[in-house]
């Protein structure tokens, strides 16, 4: 497999805090619809599939007795408040994924802050609880958008947006691979005085090649399962934990074709559910809130 195959996208890294909950990892869902990578103005043209696909995920979590963190778009919560109540009632954590799936690198500080405040207000009104965490759409906190960390620190206890890889789409290659407190001016370095907790996305480090994203989203569908399992086990054996993620659309083999979407949106959708279920069977998971013992 060439280096370029690995040099694409995604997922979750591990943290030195597994010592608190040995062998526990974090499961998360980016709760959005299949069309949410398109410009916000075009979303109303598409028929939602998020209810069916999210219920499929909830059924799997119930089967394997797993609690997860749902990084939820405010737009989805606004349209489907009963779904958000159902997720909360089942004991999962609701966190923010912005309101309109903003790419932070392409917006202003003012618009970003307005967007997340709107998201938080919608989510907290539905569940009656404080929203503690955030994940940036497109993992879009990088050197172009470091300014976002100061805004996030005003509203959240933790963030899970830093991807310690370098791809054409996103990433901070030299960022820590385990849970840490980020410097709010330069989150690629640790600052023990910071009040914000960063949960970077999981990677497997290969000599010479560097950090490889190993689970979740496209990489769950693309990489062979034996390699994903090997990489995740290696993290646990080093007394660290990883955070895994899934989109509802990743488990939808009948996802409608969108002309603007590249091939990787559709690659191996038919086989993703089986691989995801193997992840749920082979590893122990909980929500971010439970893992970090947040209140």
Protein backbone atom coordinates (compact mmCIF):
# COMPACT_ATOMS: atom_id res chain seq x y z
CA UNK A 1 0.00 0.00 0.00
CA UNK A 2 1.55 3.31 -1.04
CA UNK A 3 2.09 6.27 1.24
CA UNK A 4 -0.41 8.27 -0.79
CA UNK A 5 -3.18 5.81 0.07
CA UNK A 6 -2.70 6.52 3.74
CA UNK A 7 -2.29 10.25 3.23
CA UNK A 8 -5.98 11.10 3.09
CA UNK A 9 -8.15 11.56 6.10
CA UNK A 10 -9.44 11.11 9.55
CA UNK A 11 -9.86 9.80 12.90
CA UNK A 12 -9.23 9.48 16.29
CA UNK A 13 -6.33 9.43 18.52
CA UNK A 14 -5.56 8.25 21.92
CA UNK A 15 -4.92 9.55 25.29
CA UNK A 16 -2.72 8.94 28.17
CA UNK A 17 -5.76 9.09 30.43
CA UNK A 18 -6.75 5.49 29.94
CA UNK A 19 -5.15 4.92 33.31
CA UNK A 20 -8.37 6.35 34.77
CA UNK A 21 -10.55 3.82 33.00
CA UNK A 22 -8.24 1.05 31.89
CA UNK A 23 -9.09 -0.45 28.50
CA UNK A 24 -11.86 2.09 27.99
CA UNK A 25 -11.95 4.11 24.79
CA UNK A 26 -14.27 6.83 23.55
CA UNK A 27 -16.99 6.30 20.95
CA UNK A 28 -18.39 9.29 19.09
CA UNK A 29 -20.82 10.10 16.31
CA UNK A 30 -20.71 13.16 14.06
CA UNK A 31 -24.46 13.65 13.88
CA UNK A 32 -25.15 15.19 10.48
CA UNK A 33 -27.00 14.27 7.29
CA UNK A 34 -25.51 12.92 4.08
CA UNK A 35 -25.77 16.30 2.32
CA UNK A 36 -24.11 18.39 5.04
CA UNK A 37 -20.77 18.69 3.24
CA UNK A 38 -22.58 20.81 0.64
CA UNK A 39 -23.13 24.58 1.05
CA UNK A 40 -25.74 25.24 3.73
CA UNK A 41 -28.06 27.06 1.29
CA UNK A 42 -28.56 23.86 -0.72
CA UNK A 43 -29.54 21.54 2.14
CA UNK A 44 -33.28 22.10 1.81
CA UNK A 45 -33.25 20.43 -1.63
CA UNK A 46 -32.46 17.01 -0.15
CA UNK A 47 -34.61 14.50 1.69
CA UNK A 48 -33.15 13.68 5.09
CA UNK A 49 -31.87 10.19 5.87
CA UNK A 50 -30.49 10.94 9.33
CA UNK A 51 -33.33 9.40 11.37
CA UNK A 52 -33.04 5.94 9.85
CA UNK A 53 -29.25 5.88 9.91
CA UNK A 54 -28.92 7.25 13.44
CA UNK A 55 -31.44 4.74 14.76
CA UNK A 56 -29.31 2.02 13.19
CA UNK A 57 -26.34 3.28 15.20
CA UNK A 58 -28.41 3.51 18.38
CA UNK A 59 -29.55 -0.10 17.94
CA UNK A 60 -25.93 -1.23 17.62
CA UNK A 61 -24.93 0.74 20.71
CA UNK A 62 -27.76 -0.85 22.66
CA UNK A 63 -26.78 -4.32 21.44
CA UNK A 64 -23.22 -3.88 22.72
CA UNK A 65 -24.15 -1.75 25.76
CA UNK A 66 -22.12 1.25 24.62
CA UNK A 67 -22.56 4.90 25.55
CA UNK A 68 -21.21 7.48 23.11
CA UNK A 69 -20.81 11.20 22.51
CA UNK A 70 -22.91 12.59 19.67
CA UNK A 71 -21.28 15.70 18.18
CA UNK A 72 -24.50 17.16 16.86
CA UNK A 73 -25.24 19.84 14.27
CA UNK A 74 -27.61 22.45 15.64
CA UNK A 75 -29.43 22.28 12.32
CA UNK A 76 -30.17 18.58 12.83
CA UNK A 77 -31.29 19.15 16.42
CA UNK A 78 -33.58 21.97 15.32
CA UNK A 79 -35.24 19.76 12.70
CA UNK A 80 -35.37 16.56 14.77
CA UNK A 81 -35.58 17.47 18.47
CA UNK A 82 -37.24 14.14 19.29
CA UNK A 83 -34.18 12.31 17.94
CA UNK A 84 -31.92 14.35 20.22
CA UNK A 85 -34.18 13.65 23.20
CA UNK A 86 -34.09 9.94 22.36
CA UNK A 87 -30.28 9.92 22.21
CA UNK A 88 -30.08 11.74 25.54
CA UNK A 89 -32.71 9.51 27.15
CA UNK A 90 -30.63 6.46 26.21
CA UNK A 91 -27.74 7.84 28.26
CA UNK A 92 -25.53 9.17 25.48
CA UNK A 93 -23.82 12.56 25.60
CA UNK A 94 -24.84 15.44 23.32
CA UNK A 95 -22.02 17.75 22.23
CA UNK A 96 -21.72 20.42 19.53
CA UNK A 97 -20.62 20.03 15.91
CA UNK A 98 -21.52 23.68 15.12
CA UNK A 99 -24.91 24.76 13.78
CA UNK A 100 -24.32 24.79 10.01
CA UNK A 101 -21.27 22.52 9.54
CA UNK A 102 -18.90 25.45 9.25
CA UNK A 103 -15.41 25.06 7.87
CA UNK A 104 -13.65 27.23 10.44
CA UNK A 105 -10.82 28.04 8.02
CA UNK A 106 -13.31 29.77 5.72
CA UNK A 107 -15.24 31.88 8.21
CA UNK A 108 -14.67 34.85 10.49
CA UNK A 109 -14.23 34.81 14.25
CA UNK A 110 -17.54 36.63 14.71
CA UNK A 111 -19.52 34.28 12.45
CA UNK A 112 -17.95 31.24 14.06
CA UNK A 113 -18.79 32.36 17.57
CA UNK A 114 -22.36 33.23 16.56
CA UNK A 115 -22.73 29.81 14.95
CA UNK A 116 -21.59 27.82 17.99
CA UNK A 117 -23.63 29.94 20.39
CA UNK A 118 -26.69 29.21 18.26
CA UNK A 119 -25.83 25.51 18.30
CA UNK A 120 -25.36 25.40 22.07
CA UNK A 121 -28.65 27.20 22.71
CA UNK A 122 -30.63 24.75 20.57
CA UNK A 123 -28.99 21.66 22.08
CA UNK A 124 -29.30 22.79 25.69
CA UNK A 125 -32.95 23.75 25.28
CA UNK A 126 -33.72 20.24 24.01
CA UNK A 127 -31.81 18.18 26.58
CA UNK A 128 -31.90 20.55 29.55
CA UNK A 129 -28.20 19.99 30.22
CA UNK A 130 -24.99 21.91 29.63
CA UNK A 131 -23.13 21.05 26.43
CA UNK A 132 -19.52 20.34 27.37
CA UNK A 133 -17.70 19.55 24.13
CA UNK A 134 -17.13 20.44 20.50
CA UNK A 135 -15.81 18.92 17.29
CA UNK A 136 -15.04 21.06 14.26
CA UNK A 137 -16.58 20.01 10.94
CA UNK A 138 -13.89 18.85 8.50
CA UNK A 139 -11.45 18.75 11.46
CA UNK A 140 -10.91 22.34 10.41
CA UNK A 141 -8.73 23.59 13.24
CA UNK A 142 -5.25 23.96 11.80
CA UNK A 143 -2.66 26.71 11.50
CA UNK A 144 -5.14 28.85 9.56
CA UNK A 145 -7.70 28.70 12.34
CA UNK A 146 -5.79 28.47 15.63
CA UNK A 147 -7.79 31.53 16.70
CA UNK A 148 -10.81 29.27 17.19
CA UNK A 149 -9.33 27.71 20.34
CA UNK A 150 -9.76 30.87 22.41
CA UNK A 151 -13.43 31.01 21.41
CA UNK A 152 -13.93 27.32 22.19
CA UNK A 153 -12.37 27.76 25.63
CA UNK A 154 -15.11 30.26 26.50
CA UNK A 155 -17.91 27.76 25.96
CA UNK A 156 -16.61 24.19 26.32
CA UNK A 157 -14.62 21.95 28.65
CA UNK A 158 -13.16 19.86 25.84
CA UNK A 159 -12.55 19.84 22.12
CA UNK A 160 -11.96 16.95 19.70
CA UNK A 161 -10.92 18.68 16.48
CA UNK A 162 -7.14 18.37 16.29
CA UNK A 163 -5.92 15.76 13.80
CA UNK A 164 -2.22 14.95 14.29
CA UNK A 165 -1.61 14.17 10.62
CA UNK A 166 -0.92 16.21 7.51
CA UNK A 167 -3.21 15.68 4.54
CA UNK A 168 -4.24 17.93 1.66
CA UNK A 169 -7.54 18.47 3.50
CA UNK A 170 -6.54 19.12 7.11
CA UNK A 171 -4.25 18.24 9.97
CA UNK A 172 -1.50 19.42 12.35
CA UNK A 173 1.30 16.95 11.84
CA UNK A 174 3.26 17.73 15.01
CA UNK A 175 0.32 17.95 17.44
CA UNK A 176 0.28 15.55 20.43
CA UNK A 177 -1.34 12.18 19.73
CA UNK A 178 -2.78 11.68 23.23
CA UNK A 179 -5.18 13.72 25.35
CA UNK A 180 -3.61 17.00 26.43
CA UNK A 181 -4.30 20.60 27.43
CA UNK A 182 -3.65 22.76 24.37
CA UNK A 183 -2.02 26.15 24.23
CA UNK A 184 -4.83 28.42 23.06
CA UNK A 185 -2.58 30.39 20.74
CA UNK A 186 -0.84 27.36 19.25
CA UNK A 187 -2.74 24.11 20.00
CA UNK A 188 0.03 22.02 18.44
CA UNK A 189 1.77 22.32 21.80
CA UNK A 190 0.70 21.47 25.33
CA UNK A 191 -0.02 24.02 28.06
CA UNK A 192 -0.69 22.53 31.47
CA UNK A 193 -2.27 25.81 32.58
CA UNK A 194 -4.98 25.58 29.90
CA UNK A 195 -8.50 24.84 31.08
CA UNK A 196 -9.53 23.29 27.76
CA UNK A 197 -8.94 19.55 27.18
CA UNK A 198 -8.05 18.37 23.68
CA UNK A 199 -8.88 14.85 22.48
CA UNK A 200 -6.96 14.40 19.22
CA UNK A 201 -8.03 11.90 16.60
CA UNK A 202 -6.51 8.44 16.60
CA UNK A 203 -3.48 7.63 14.52
CA UNK A 204 -0.95 4.83 14.15
CA UNK A 205 2.65 6.00 13.98
CA UNK A 206 4.79 4.28 11.35
CA UNK A 207 8.53 5.02 11.18
CA UNK A 208 9.52 7.22 8.23
CA UNK A 209 5.92 7.43 6.98
CA UNK A 210 4.54 9.23 10.03
CA UNK A 211 1.09 9.26 11.61
CA UNK A 212 -1.63 7.27 9.83
CA UNK A 213 -5.37 7.75 10.58
CA UNK A 214 -6.69 4.32 11.47
CA UNK A 215 -10.39 4.32 12.28
CA UNK A 216 -13.71 5.99 11.67
CA UNK A 217 -15.50 7.49 8.71
CA UNK A 218 -13.80 6.87 5.39
CA UNK A 219 -10.85 5.05 6.95
CA UNK A 220 -13.13 2.50 8.57
CA UNK A 221 -14.48 1.76 5.11
CA UNK A 222 -11.12 1.93 3.31
CA UNK A 223 -8.51 0.27 5.51
CA UNK A 224 -8.45 -3.51 6.10
CA UNK A 225 -9.91 -4.43 9.45
CA UNK A 226 -6.82 -6.31 10.62
CA UNK A 227 -4.78 -3.11 10.34
CA UNK A 228 -7.37 -0.99 12.13
CA UNK A 229 -7.56 -3.51 14.96
CA UNK A 230 -3.77 -3.79 15.13
CA UNK A 231 -3.34 -0.03 15.40
CA UNK A 232 -6.04 0.41 18.02
CA UNK A 233 -4.75 -2.50 20.08
CA UNK A 234 -1.28 -0.98 19.97
CA UNK A 235 -2.67 2.21 21.49
CA UNK A 236 -4.35 0.30 24.32
CA UNK A 237 -1.24 -1.80 24.96
CA UNK A 238 0.69 1.43 25.47
CA UNK A 239 -1.76 2.38 28.25
CA UNK A 240 -3.49 5.00 26.12
CA UNK A 241 -7.04 5.26 24.81
CA UNK A 242 -8.43 6.27 21.44
CA UNK A 243 -11.51 8.08 20.26
CA UNK A 244 -13.41 6.48 17.41
CA UNK A 245 -16.05 8.15 15.25
CA UNK A 246 -18.74 7.35 12.73
CA UNK A 247 -21.15 9.39 10.59
CA UNK A 248 -24.68 8.06 10.11
CA UNK A 249 -24.06 8.22 6.34
CA UNK A 250 -21.09 5.83 6.68
CA UNK A 251 -23.55 3.01 7.38
CA UNK A 252 -25.94 3.85 4.53
CA UNK A 253 -25.27 1.68 1.45
CA UNK A 254 -28.18 3.41 -0.35
CA UNK A 255 -26.87 6.94 0.18
CA UNK A 256 -28.07 9.04 -2.80
CA UNK A 257 -25.50 10.15 -5.34
CA UNK A 258 -24.41 13.78 -5.17
CA UNK A 259 -22.48 15.11 -8.14
CA UNK A 260 -20.24 17.28 -6.00
CA UNK A 261 -19.08 14.32 -3.91
CA UNK A 262 -15.89 12.42 -4.76
CA UNK A 263 -15.53 8.65 -4.89
CA UNK A 264 -14.50 8.31 -1.25
CA UNK A 265 -17.96 9.31 -0.03
CA UNK A 266 -19.32 6.06 -1.47
CA UNK A 267 -16.42 3.65 -1.12
CA UNK A 268 -17.44 0.37 0.59
CA UNK A 269 -20.63 1.68 2.18
CA UNK A 270 -22.01 -1.84 1.84
CA UNK A 271 -19.29 -3.30 4.06
CA UNK A 272 -19.09 -0.57 6.69
CA UNK A 273 -21.74 -1.83 9.11
CA UNK A 274 -20.06 -5.21 9.48
CA UNK A 275 -16.67 -3.58 10.18
CA UNK A 276 -18.20 -1.10 12.61
CA UNK A 277 -19.89 -3.91 14.50
CA UNK A 278 -16.55 -5.68 14.82
CA UNK A 279 -15.10 -2.52 16.37
CA UNK A 280 -17.93 -2.48 18.89
CA UNK A 281 -17.31 -6.14 19.76
CA UNK A 282 -13.52 -5.94 19.97
CA UNK A 283 -13.07 -2.80 22.11
CA UNK A 284 -14.53 -1.17 25.22
CA UNK A 285 -16.15 2.27 24.78
CA UNK A 286 -17.81 5.08 26.71
CA UNK A 287 -18.66 8.74 26.12
CA UNK A 288 -16.20 11.62 26.49
CA UNK A 289 -18.11 12.89 29.51
CA UNK A 290 -17.83 9.53 31.27
CA UNK A 291 -14.21 9.01 30.26
CA UNK A 292 -13.08 12.38 31.60
CA UNK A 293 -15.49 12.23 34.55
CA UNK A 294 -16.94 15.62 33.68
CA UNK A 295 -19.94 17.19 35.38
